[in-house]
């Protein structure tokens, strides 16, 4: 009987492919044949899912972990407080200004018996109208600074908020979270923000806009002088 020809035992791991050939992976076939893995060119990486544009960065925080107040919120709070203070000053001084101006126009419009206007005496005009107006303006400035002291120092130190800051949900706190806002801190804020701001030209603008480039606590000049910051609160 003729014996069938013998073939060499295939090497471990399956037969080697001929040049340019393809050897299917080992396993039962043709039934149950597993498809070959998909071809991926060198350097190819599967696409990643697009998660969308990055969100806004988190707001900067104070040393105690509270979000710092934005420039817009502080500006609106200042406008509210300024409007309230201006209304109080108008109520107090508008009647006095009205009486002085009424007297001045009455004197300037006096008519002689021949129908001509009475020439005002320079000395009388200065001492009876011009000087009182100057003194009244000085009194307005002194009273304004006094009202601001009561409002922005005595009232502020009680809870760190004025009415404008309450509306905008802001609070003045010490930069050192272990300390408590006191009269000395509030007074130093008043000294730069209102006294220097009223007497030194351009100081109020530099003080208010300083927050825009100050890092990391977004302080105005009066905050730096008093070692305070302004934070956003829930109430």
Protein backbone atom coordinates (compact mmCIF):
# COMPACT_ATOMS: atom_id res chain seq x y z
CA UNK A 1 0.00 0.00 0.00
CA UNK A 2 1.30 3.36 -0.92
CA UNK A 3 1.75 5.70 2.06
CA UNK A 4 0.52 9.27 1.73
CA UNK A 5 3.31 11.81 1.49
CA UNK A 6 4.35 13.31 4.78
CA UNK A 7 4.43 17.03 5.31
CA UNK A 8 6.63 18.89 7.76
CA UNK A 9 5.09 19.85 11.05
CA UNK A 10 4.05 23.51 10.97
CA UNK A 11 5.95 25.73 13.37
CA UNK A 12 4.42 26.85 16.63
CA UNK A 13 2.07 29.75 16.27
CA UNK A 14 0.77 28.65 12.89
CA UNK A 15 2.19 28.58 9.42
CA UNK A 16 4.32 31.44 8.18
CA UNK A 17 2.94 33.47 5.30
CA UNK A 18 4.52 33.35 1.93
CA UNK A 19 5.87 36.53 0.48
CA UNK A 20 3.00 38.86 -0.07
CA UNK A 21 0.51 36.35 1.33
CA UNK A 22 -1.91 36.57 4.20
CA UNK A 23 -2.30 33.90 6.82
CA UNK A 24 -5.56 33.89 8.70
CA UNK A 25 -5.31 33.73 12.46
CA UNK A 26 -5.36 30.29 14.00
CA UNK A 27 -8.70 28.81 14.89
CA UNK A 28 -11.43 26.74 13.39
CA UNK A 29 -12.33 27.65 9.87
CA UNK A 30 -13.94 28.07 7.46
CA UNK A 31 -16.91 27.94 9.77
CA UNK A 32 -16.60 30.22 12.78
CA UNK A 33 -13.73 32.04 11.12
CA UNK A 34 -12.76 35.16 13.05
CA UNK A 35 -12.32 38.27 10.96
CA UNK A 36 -8.82 39.68 10.93
CA UNK A 37 -8.19 42.82 12.92
CA UNK A 38 -8.74 46.08 11.11
CA UNK A 39 -5.71 47.56 9.53
CA UNK A 40 -4.44 50.82 11.08
CA UNK A 41 -1.67 52.76 9.37
CA UNK A 42 1.38 53.71 11.43
CA UNK A 43 0.85 56.76 13.65
CA UNK A 44 -2.93 56.55 13.43
CA UNK A 45 -4.91 57.25 16.58
CA UNK A 46 -8.64 56.69 16.86
CA UNK A 47 -10.65 59.93 17.03
CA UNK A 48 -11.54 61.22 20.46
CA UNK A 49 -15.00 62.40 21.40
CA UNK A 50 -15.29 66.23 21.27
CA UNK A 51 -16.17 67.55 24.70
CA UNK A 52 -17.06 71.04 23.51
CA UNK A 53 -15.28 74.35 24.18
CA UNK A 54 -13.69 74.80 27.59
CA UNK A 55 -15.89 76.51 30.17
CA UNK A 56 -15.11 79.82 31.85
CA UNK A 57 -12.32 79.73 34.41
CA UNK A 58 -13.40 79.58 38.05
CA UNK A 59 -13.62 82.95 39.81
CA UNK A 60 -10.62 83.95 41.92
CA UNK A 61 -11.05 83.21 45.60
CA UNK A 62 -10.12 85.08 48.75
CA UNK A 63 -7.80 83.52 51.36
CA UNK A 64 -10.93 82.30 53.17
CA UNK A 65 -12.29 80.61 50.01
CA UNK A 66 -14.97 83.17 49.08
CA UNK A 67 -15.25 84.46 45.48
CA UNK A 68 -13.82 87.93 44.98
CA UNK A 69 -16.16 90.73 43.89
CA UNK A 70 -16.02 91.72 40.23
CA UNK A 71 -15.30 95.24 39.02
CA UNK A 72 -18.87 95.63 37.70
CA UNK A 73 -20.46 94.62 41.02
CA UNK A 74 -18.25 97.01 42.97
CA UNK A 75 -18.97 99.85 40.55
CA UNK A 76 -22.74 99.35 40.84
CA UNK A 77 -22.51 99.24 44.64
CA UNK A 78 -20.50 102.48 44.61
CA UNK A 79 -23.06 104.16 42.33
CA UNK A 80 -25.90 103.18 44.67
CA UNK A 81 -24.06 104.52 47.72
CA UNK A 82 -23.11 107.73 45.90
CA UNK A 83 -26.70 108.31 44.80
CA UNK A 84 -27.94 107.92 48.38
CA UNK A 85 -25.28 110.26 49.78
CA UNK A 86 -25.94 112.86 47.09
CA UNK A 87 -29.66 112.77 47.82
CA UNK A 88 -29.02 113.47 51.51
CA UNK A 89 -26.70 116.40 50.68
CA UNK A 90 -29.24 117.87 48.26
CA UNK A 91 -31.97 117.76 50.88
CA UNK A 92 -29.72 119.53 53.41
CA UNK A 93 -28.11 122.20 51.24
CA UNK A 94 -30.42 122.85 48.31
CA UNK A 95 -32.65 125.30 50.27
CA UNK A 96 -29.58 127.32 51.33
CA UNK A 97 -28.24 127.49 47.78
CA UNK A 98 -31.66 128.51 46.52
CA UNK A 99 -31.94 131.41 49.00
CA UNK A 100 -28.46 132.71 48.15
CA UNK A 101 -29.00 132.60 44.41
CA UNK A 102 -32.43 134.22 44.79
CA UNK A 103 -30.92 137.13 46.71
CA UNK A 104 -28.12 137.54 44.17
CA UNK A 105 -30.50 137.76 41.21
CA UNK A 106 -32.76 140.13 43.12
CA UNK A 107 -29.84 142.47 43.79
CA UNK A 108 -28.58 142.30 40.23
CA UNK A 109 -32.01 143.14 38.81
CA UNK A 110 -32.69 146.27 40.90
CA UNK A 111 -33.92 149.20 38.80
CA UNK A 112 -33.26 152.90 39.36
CA UNK A 113 -36.15 155.43 39.25
CA UNK A 114 -35.10 156.32 35.69
CA UNK A 115 -35.50 152.68 34.58
CA UNK A 116 -31.81 151.77 34.43
CA UNK A 117 -30.27 148.84 36.26
CA UNK A 118 -28.53 149.55 39.55
CA UNK A 119 -24.79 148.98 39.27
CA UNK A 120 -23.84 146.37 41.89
CA UNK A 121 -21.17 147.37 44.37
CA UNK A 122 -18.17 144.98 43.97
CA UNK A 123 -17.50 144.90 47.70
CA UNK A 124 -21.13 144.15 48.53
CA UNK A 125 -21.31 141.47 45.84
CA UNK A 126 -18.16 139.75 47.15
CA UNK A 127 -19.07 139.74 50.83
CA UNK A 128 -22.79 139.11 50.49
CA UNK A 129 -22.85 136.55 47.68
CA UNK A 130 -19.50 135.28 46.40
CA UNK A 131 -17.94 134.63 49.81
CA UNK A 132 -21.05 132.94 51.25
CA UNK A 133 -21.19 130.66 48.20
CA UNK A 134 -17.57 129.63 48.74
CA UNK A 135 -18.14 129.01 52.44
CA UNK A 136 -21.25 127.02 51.64
CA UNK A 137 -19.33 124.84 49.20
CA UNK A 138 -16.67 124.26 51.84
CA UNK A 139 -19.37 123.34 54.32
CA UNK A 140 -20.82 120.88 51.80
CA UNK A 141 -17.40 119.23 51.43
CA UNK A 142 -16.89 118.98 55.19
CA UNK A 143 -20.39 117.64 55.75
CA UNK A 144 -19.99 115.19 52.88
CA UNK A 145 -16.78 113.80 54.37
CA UNK A 146 -18.47 113.59 57.77
CA UNK A 147 -21.45 111.72 56.35
CA UNK A 148 -19.11 109.42 54.46
CA UNK A 149 -17.25 108.70 57.71
CA UNK A 150 -20.47 107.73 59.46
CA UNK A 151 -21.65 105.66 56.50
CA UNK A 152 -18.43 104.07 55.26
CA UNK A 153 -16.71 103.61 58.63
CA UNK A 154 -19.15 103.45 61.53
CA UNK A 155 -21.89 101.71 59.56
CA UNK A 156 -19.56 99.58 57.44
CA UNK A 157 -17.62 98.07 60.35
CA UNK A 158 -20.79 96.59 61.85
CA UNK A 159 -21.21 93.96 59.15
CA UNK A 160 -18.86 94.86 56.31
CA UNK A 161 -21.70 96.15 54.12
CA UNK A 162 -23.20 99.46 53.06
CA UNK A 163 -26.65 99.61 51.47
CA UNK A 164 -25.11 99.46 48.01
CA UNK A 165 -23.03 96.43 48.93
CA UNK A 166 -26.08 94.73 50.42
CA UNK A 167 -27.97 95.20 47.17
CA UNK A 168 -25.06 93.77 45.15
CA UNK A 169 -24.35 91.03 47.78
CA UNK A 170 -20.82 92.20 48.55
CA UNK A 171 -18.93 92.36 51.84
CA UNK A 172 -15.70 93.99 52.95
CA UNK A 173 -13.53 91.56 54.90
CA UNK A 174 -9.92 91.64 56.15
CA UNK A 175 -7.34 90.10 53.88
CA UNK A 176 -6.21 88.04 56.87
CA UNK A 177 -9.13 85.64 57.48
CA UNK A 178 -8.24 85.38 61.19
CA UNK A 179 -8.99 89.07 61.78
CA UNK A 180 -12.26 91.01 62.06
CA UNK A 181 -13.13 94.24 60.27
CA UNK A 182 -12.75 97.11 62.75
CA UNK A 183 -12.88 100.91 62.81
CA UNK A 184 -9.18 101.25 62.02
CA UNK A 185 -9.47 99.24 58.81
CA UNK A 186 -12.65 101.02 57.73
CA UNK A 187 -11.07 104.40 58.59
CA UNK A 188 -8.02 103.68 56.45
CA UNK A 189 -10.31 102.81 53.56
CA UNK A 190 -12.18 106.11 54.03
CA UNK A 191 -8.91 108.05 54.21
CA UNK A 192 -7.80 106.96 50.72
CA UNK A 193 -11.15 106.51 48.99
CA UNK A 194 -12.89 109.72 50.09
CA UNK A 195 -10.48 112.16 51.76
CA UNK A 196 -7.61 111.71 49.30
CA UNK A 197 -10.06 111.12 46.46
CA UNK A 198 -11.75 114.48 47.14
CA UNK A 199 -8.56 116.52 47.64
CA UNK A 200 -6.00 114.95 45.26
CA UNK A 201 -6.81 115.31 41.53
CA UNK A 202 -7.05 111.97 39.75
CA UNK A 203 -6.72 109.93 42.94
CA UNK A 204 -10.28 108.66 42.85
CA UNK A 205 -9.85 107.31 39.29
CA UNK A 206 -6.54 105.59 40.07
CA UNK A 207 -8.05 104.14 43.24
CA UNK A 208 -11.15 102.76 41.55
CA UNK A 209 -9.50 101.32 38.43
CA UNK A 210 -6.61 99.73 40.33
CA UNK A 211 -8.72 96.59 40.83
CA UNK A 212 -8.64 95.82 37.10
CA UNK A 213 -4.95 94.86 37.07
CA UNK A 214 -4.29 94.02 40.71
CA UNK A 215 -3.39 90.38 41.32
CA UNK A 216 -4.25 88.13 43.01
CA UNK A 217 -6.83 89.83 45.27
CA UNK A 218 -8.30 92.46 42.89
CA UNK A 219 -7.84 95.25 45.43
CA UNK A 220 -8.35 98.96 44.98
CA UNK A 221 -5.79 101.30 46.51
CA UNK A 222 -7.96 101.85 49.58
CA UNK A 223 -8.16 98.06 50.00
CA UNK A 224 -4.38 97.77 49.92
CA UNK A 225 -3.95 100.60 52.43
CA UNK A 226 -6.45 98.98 54.82
CA UNK A 227 -5.47 95.32 54.13
CA UNK A 228 -9.05 94.47 53.13
CA UNK A 229 -10.74 92.77 50.18
CA UNK A 230 -14.31 92.70 48.84
CA UNK A 231 -15.98 89.32 48.38
CA UNK A 232 -19.23 88.05 46.91
CA UNK A 233 -21.70 86.63 49.43
CA UNK A 234 -25.12 85.01 49.25
CA UNK A 235 -26.89 87.58 51.45
